[in-house]
Amino acid sequence: MPKPLSLAFDPIARADELWRARWGSVPSMGAITSIMRAQQILLGQVDALVKPYGLTFARYEALVLLTFSQTGALPMSKIGERLMVHPTSVTNTVDRLVRAGLVDKRPNPNDGRGTLAAITGRGREVVEAATADLVAADFGLGAYDAEECAEIFALLRPLRIAAGDFGGT
């Protein structure tokens, strides 16, 4: 992926200065703009790493989730719940993984109307190889050490709790 041209100044810091001059100090504006730009950078990096495996990061996350399950299979509804995505997105993601031969879909024996997504042997091979590449690249966070990564996680946790991602215990 080609790098964009580097600017001689930080455009987010400059936007923050201009914002302050026009509307007053709102530190959350600079923070949200930085977070959104970081998300763009990280998603681009991790997507580039998993692309050779025919994956996007969202599909990779679904495969990892299936490897975490005891049987390698989960109900579609549980996948959506755990990945915190809409059922339509789960269906799209799983259907693409099925077409790639990385996941199978089958009826859920515990729910006559439900469907299970199950990782295939090929899916397990792909997720292991992609994981090795992501780990080698520090998931795009190589600019930070382990302590700083833990700090980022801790700083974002209250936001996730406030959004209702989980109970906050």
Protein backbone atom coordinates (compact mmCIF):
# COMPACT_ATOMS: atom_id res chain seq x y z
CA MET A 1 0.00 0.00 0.00
CA PRO A 2 1.61 3.32 -1.03
CA LYS A 3 2.13 5.84 1.72
CA PRO A 4 0.40 9.20 1.30
CA LEU A 5 2.59 12.26 1.03
CA SER A 6 3.72 13.47 4.43
CA LEU A 7 2.71 16.98 5.33
CA ALA A 8 5.19 19.37 6.95
CA PHE A 9 2.70 19.91 9.79
CA ASP A 10 0.13 17.94 11.79
CA PRO A 11 -3.23 18.70 10.12
CA ILE A 12 -5.18 17.51 13.16
CA ALA A 13 -3.23 19.81 15.49
CA ARG A 14 -3.79 22.65 13.01
CA ALA A 15 -7.52 21.90 12.87
CA ASP A 16 -7.57 21.96 16.67
CA GLU A 17 -5.91 25.40 16.67
CA LEU A 18 -8.40 26.73 14.12
CA TRP A 19 -11.30 25.19 16.04
CA ARG A 20 -10.12 26.86 19.25
CA ALA A 21 -9.83 30.23 17.50
CA ARG A 22 -13.34 29.96 16.08
CA TRP A 23 -15.39 28.09 18.69
CA GLY A 24 -13.18 27.83 21.77
CA SER A 25 -11.32 24.91 23.27
CA VAL A 26 -12.98 21.53 22.75
CA PRO A 27 -10.29 18.90 23.46
CA SER A 28 -12.66 16.10 22.42
CA MET A 29 -12.59 17.39 18.81
CA GLY A 30 -8.84 16.80 18.50
CA ALA A 31 -9.16 13.47 20.28
CA ILE A 32 -11.97 12.14 18.07
CA THR A 33 -10.22 13.29 14.90
CA SER A 34 -7.02 11.53 16.01
CA ILE A 35 -8.91 8.35 16.90
CA MET A 36 -10.71 8.30 13.55
CA ARG A 37 -7.46 8.84 11.64
CA ALA A 38 -5.75 6.13 13.70
CA GLN A 39 -8.61 3.77 12.86
CA GLN A 40 -8.11 4.48 9.14
CA ILE A 41 -4.36 3.85 9.41
CA LEU A 42 -4.72 0.65 11.42
CA LEU A 43 -7.52 -0.80 9.32
CA GLY A 44 -5.50 -0.15 6.17
CA GLN A 45 -2.46 -1.87 7.65
CA VAL A 46 -4.23 -4.94 9.00
CA ASP A 47 -6.38 -5.32 5.90
CA ALA A 48 -3.19 -5.26 3.79
CA LEU A 49 -1.70 -8.00 5.98
CA VAL A 50 -4.71 -10.33 5.70
CA LYS A 51 -5.52 -9.59 2.05
CA PRO A 52 -3.10 -12.26 0.73
CA TYR A 53 -5.29 -14.80 2.56
CA GLY A 54 -8.44 -13.54 0.85
CA LEU A 55 -9.57 -11.89 4.07
CA THR A 56 -10.54 -8.52 5.44
CA PHE A 57 -9.93 -7.80 9.11
CA ALA A 58 -13.65 -8.31 9.78
CA ARG A 59 -13.51 -11.81 8.22
CA TYR A 60 -10.32 -12.54 10.13
CA GLU A 61 -12.06 -11.58 13.40
CA ALA A 62 -14.92 -13.98 12.61
CA LEU A 63 -12.46 -16.82 11.97
CA VAL A 64 -10.61 -16.09 15.21
CA LEU A 65 -13.89 -16.09 17.11
CA LEU A 66 -14.71 -19.52 15.70
CA THR A 67 -11.29 -20.84 16.76
CA PHE A 68 -12.00 -19.60 20.29
CA SER A 69 -15.19 -21.66 20.52
CA GLN A 70 -14.89 -25.15 22.00
CA THR A 71 -16.32 -26.87 18.93
CA GLY A 72 -15.15 -24.46 16.23
CA ALA A 73 -18.78 -23.55 15.56
CA LEU A 74 -21.11 -20.83 16.81
CA PRO A 75 -24.65 -19.72 16.07
CA MET A 76 -24.79 -16.77 13.68
CA SER A 77 -26.55 -14.72 16.37
CA LYS A 78 -23.70 -15.38 18.83
CA ILE A 79 -21.13 -14.27 16.24
CA GLY A 80 -22.96 -10.97 15.79
CA GLU A 81 -23.23 -10.50 19.54
CA ARG A 82 -19.54 -11.19 20.19
CA LEU A 83 -18.28 -9.13 17.25
CA MET A 84 -20.83 -6.40 18.05
CA VAL A 85 -22.11 -6.18 14.47
CA HIS A 86 -25.54 -6.20 12.84
CA PRO A 87 -26.97 -9.61 11.78
CA THR A 88 -26.79 -8.54 8.12
CA SER A 89 -23.05 -7.96 8.48
CA VAL A 90 -22.60 -11.38 10.09
CA THR A 91 -24.46 -13.05 7.24
CA ASN A 92 -22.36 -11.22 4.64
CA THR A 93 -19.10 -12.02 6.43
CA VAL A 94 -19.92 -15.70 6.97
CA ASP A 95 -21.24 -16.14 3.43
CA ARG A 96 -17.94 -14.80 2.05
CA LEU A 97 -16.00 -17.16 4.32
CA VAL A 98 -18.19 -20.06 3.12
CA ARG A 99 -17.49 -19.17 -0.54
CA ALA A 100 -13.76 -19.15 0.28
CA GLY A 101 -14.01 -22.62 1.85
CA LEU A 102 -12.97 -21.34 5.28
CA VAL A 103 -16.32 -21.84 7.02
CA ASP A 104 -19.29 -24.18 6.62
CA LYS A 105 -22.88 -23.33 7.50
CA ARG A 106 -25.18 -25.96 8.94
CA PRO A 107 -28.43 -26.17 10.90
CA ASN A 108 -28.12 -25.57 14.62
CA PRO A 109 -29.16 -28.83 16.36
CA ASN A 110 -30.14 -26.84 19.47
CA ASP A 111 -32.34 -24.39 17.55
CA GLY A 112 -34.38 -25.66 14.62
CA ARG A 113 -34.47 -22.23 12.97
CA GLY A 114 -30.87 -21.22 13.67
CA THR A 115 -27.70 -21.68 11.69
CA LEU A 116 -24.23 -22.55 12.90
CA ALA A 117 -21.06 -21.28 11.26
CA ALA A 118 -18.19 -23.75 11.63
CA ILE A 119 -14.55 -23.20 10.77
CA THR A 120 -13.08 -25.68 8.29
CA GLY A 121 -9.62 -27.21 8.34
CA ARG A 122 -8.59 -24.76 5.64
CA GLY A 123 -10.04 -21.93 7.73
CA ARG A 124 -7.87 -22.99 10.66
CA GLU A 125 -4.77 -23.02 8.45
CA VAL A 126 -5.55 -19.56 7.09
CA VAL A 127 -6.28 -18.04 10.49
CA GLU A 128 -2.99 -19.40 11.89
CA ALA A 129 -0.96 -17.99 8.99
CA ALA A 130 -2.74 -14.61 9.05
CA THR A 131 -2.32 -14.43 12.83
CA ALA A 132 1.42 -15.01 12.51
CA ASP A 133 1.65 -12.08 10.07
CA LEU A 134 -0.46 -9.80 12.26
CA VAL A 135 1.53 -10.64 15.38
CA ALA A 136 4.83 -10.06 13.51
CA ALA A 137 3.51 -6.61 12.56
CA ASP A 138 2.24 -5.91 16.11
CA PHE A 139 -1.24 -5.52 14.59
CA GLY A 140 -0.05 -2.19 13.18
CA LEU A 141 0.77 -0.85 16.65
CA GLY A 142 4.54 -1.23 16.47
CA ALA A 143 5.00 2.43 17.38
CA TYR A 144 3.87 1.51 20.92
CA ASP A 145 5.37 -0.78 23.52
CA ALA A 146 3.35 -3.30 25.54
CA GLU A 147 2.74 -0.85 28.39
CA GLU A 148 1.46 1.83 25.99
CA CYS A 149 -0.84 -0.70 24.29
CA ALA A 150 -2.27 -1.60 27.70
CA GLU A 151 -2.73 2.12 28.40
CA ILE A 152 -4.59 2.61 25.10
CA PHE A 153 -6.84 -0.32 25.98
CA ALA A 154 -7.52 1.15 29.44
CA LEU A 155 -8.18 4.64 28.06
CA LEU A 156 -10.76 3.36 25.58
CA ARG A 157 -12.51 1.00 28.03
CA PRO A 158 -14.76 3.66 29.67
CA LEU A 159 -15.96 4.73 26.21
CA ARG A 160 -16.90 1.14 25.42
CA ILE A 161 -18.65 0.74 28.77
CA ALA A 162 -20.61 3.98 28.21
CA ALA A 163 -21.65 2.67 24.78
CA GLY A 164 -23.06 -0.46 26.39
CA ASP A 165 -20.54 -2.92 24.93
CA PHE A 166 -20.50 -4.74 28.27
CA GLY A 167 -21.41 -4.30 31.91
CA GLY A 168 -18.17 -2.67 32.98
CA THR A 169 -17.09 -5.10 35.64
